[in-house]
Protein backbone atom coordinates (compact mmCIF):
# COMPACT_ATOMS: atom_id res chain seq x y z
CA MET A 1 -83.57 117.47 129.09
CA THR A 2 -80.76 117.15 126.62
CA SER A 3 -78.01 114.69 126.95
CA LEU A 4 -74.51 115.48 125.96
CA SER A 5 -73.31 113.03 123.39
CA PRO A 6 -69.71 112.91 122.26
CA GLN A 7 -69.12 114.54 118.92
CA ARG A 8 -68.23 112.22 116.14
CA ILE A 9 -64.95 113.04 114.49
CA PRO A 10 -64.70 111.77 110.95
CA PRO A 11 -61.74 109.47 110.36
CA ARG A 12 -58.78 110.98 108.59
CA PRO A 13 -58.07 109.78 105.08
CA PRO A 14 -54.78 107.93 104.70
CA GLN A 15 -51.96 110.34 104.03
CA ARG A 16 -49.19 109.95 101.53
CA PRO A 17 -45.68 109.89 102.92
CA ARG A 18 -44.30 113.41 102.90
CA GLN A 19 -41.78 114.27 100.27
CA PRO A 20 -39.02 116.59 101.42
CA ARG A 21 -39.52 120.15 100.27
CA LEU A 22 -35.84 120.68 99.63
CA ARG A 23 -34.51 118.30 97.04
CA TRP A 24 -30.91 117.88 98.09
CA ASN A 25 -28.32 116.42 95.79
CA ALA A 26 -24.53 116.76 95.91
CA TRP A 27 -24.52 117.82 92.25
CA ASN A 28 -26.31 121.02 93.29
CA LEU A 29 -23.10 122.25 94.93
CA LEU A 30 -21.70 122.88 91.45
CA LEU A 31 -24.29 125.64 91.08
CA LEU A 32 -22.28 127.70 93.58
CA VAL A 33 -19.26 127.95 91.25
CA PRO A 34 -20.83 130.58 88.92
CA LEU A 35 -21.34 132.83 91.94
CA LEU A 36 -17.59 133.53 91.89
CA ILE A 37 -18.29 136.14 89.23
CA LEU A 38 -19.79 138.26 92.02
CA LEU A 39 -16.34 138.66 93.56
CA THR A 40 -15.24 141.49 91.27
CA PRO A 41 -11.91 142.22 93.02
CA LEU A 42 -10.65 138.83 91.82
CA TYR A 43 -10.68 139.95 88.19
CA ASN A 44 -10.72 143.74 88.30
CA ARG A 45 -7.64 144.31 86.15
CA VAL A 46 -6.65 144.87 82.54
CA ASP A 47 -3.82 142.38 82.01
CA PRO A 48 -3.54 139.71 80.64
CA ARG A 49 -5.30 140.57 77.40
CA LEU A 50 -6.86 137.98 75.13
CA PHE A 51 -7.15 139.05 71.46
CA GLY A 52 -6.85 142.67 72.62
CA MET A 53 -9.72 142.27 75.10
CA PRO A 54 -8.96 143.24 78.72
CA PHE A 55 -9.00 140.48 81.34
CA PHE A 56 -12.04 142.03 83.04
CA TYR A 57 -14.24 141.36 80.01
CA TRP A 58 -12.99 138.02 78.76
CA PHE A 59 -12.99 136.54 82.27
CA GLN A 60 -16.67 137.43 82.65
CA LEU A 61 -17.42 135.78 79.32
CA VAL A 62 -15.57 132.63 80.37
CA CYS A 63 -17.45 132.61 83.69
CA VAL A 64 -20.79 132.80 81.88
CA LEU A 65 -19.81 129.89 79.62
CA ILE A 66 -18.66 127.84 82.62
CA GLY A 67 -21.92 128.67 84.40
CA VAL A 68 -23.96 127.45 81.45
CA ALA A 69 -21.91 124.25 81.24
CA LEU A 70 -22.22 123.55 84.98
CA THR A 71 -25.95 124.26 85.02
CA SER A 72 -26.42 121.89 82.09
CA LEU A 73 -24.32 119.24 83.81
CA VAL A 74 -26.31 119.51 87.05
CA TYR A 75 -29.57 119.28 85.10
CA VAL A 76 -28.49 116.16 83.22
CA MET A 77 -27.14 114.46 86.34
CA THR A 78 -30.21 115.19 88.50
CA LYS A 79 -33.09 114.79 86.03
CA GLU A 80 -33.25 111.05 86.67
CA ASP A 81 -34.13 111.57 90.34
CA ASP A 82 -37.67 110.31 90.90
CA TYR A 83 -39.54 112.96 92.83
CA VAL A 84 -42.96 111.97 91.51
CA ILE A 85 -45.14 109.69 93.59
CA THR A 86 -46.24 106.82 91.41
CA GLY A 87 -48.74 104.09 92.08
CA GLN A 88 -51.50 106.45 93.18
CA PRO A 89 -54.22 107.77 90.90
CA ASP A 90 -54.19 111.38 89.86
CA ARG A 91 -57.00 113.36 91.44
CA LEU A 92 -57.26 115.85 88.59
CA ASN A 93 -59.24 115.21 85.45
CA VAL A 94 -59.50 117.10 82.21
CA ASP A 95 -63.07 118.24 82.80
CA SER A 96 -62.27 120.01 86.05
CA LEU A 97 -59.31 121.79 84.43
CA ASP A 98 -61.28 122.96 81.38
CA GLU A 99 -62.05 126.66 81.79
CA GLY A 100 -64.96 126.58 79.37
CA ALA A 101 -66.69 123.54 80.88
CA GLY A 102 -69.16 125.57 82.92
CA ARG A 103 -70.37 127.70 80.01
């Protein structure tokens, strides 16, 4: 005769608080401005010319430069955000990451 004993469930290890997957910051809205270059009808014309260059070309160049400036600004303003969990030991060590360790 066998008796039914309740199965033992191992206790769960303590979990870290979940970090949000989407890192929202108001500065990120500036990254939408360079998308205006996708609206070609806004600048699909020849005049005004700048140094003999049609508006269509020099406006695209200006948009690229503005995009680079805004991306740099967003990077600088958001790089100080602390998304790394500190105060807990790292579970990785050099030996487990070394590809040649098992040879």
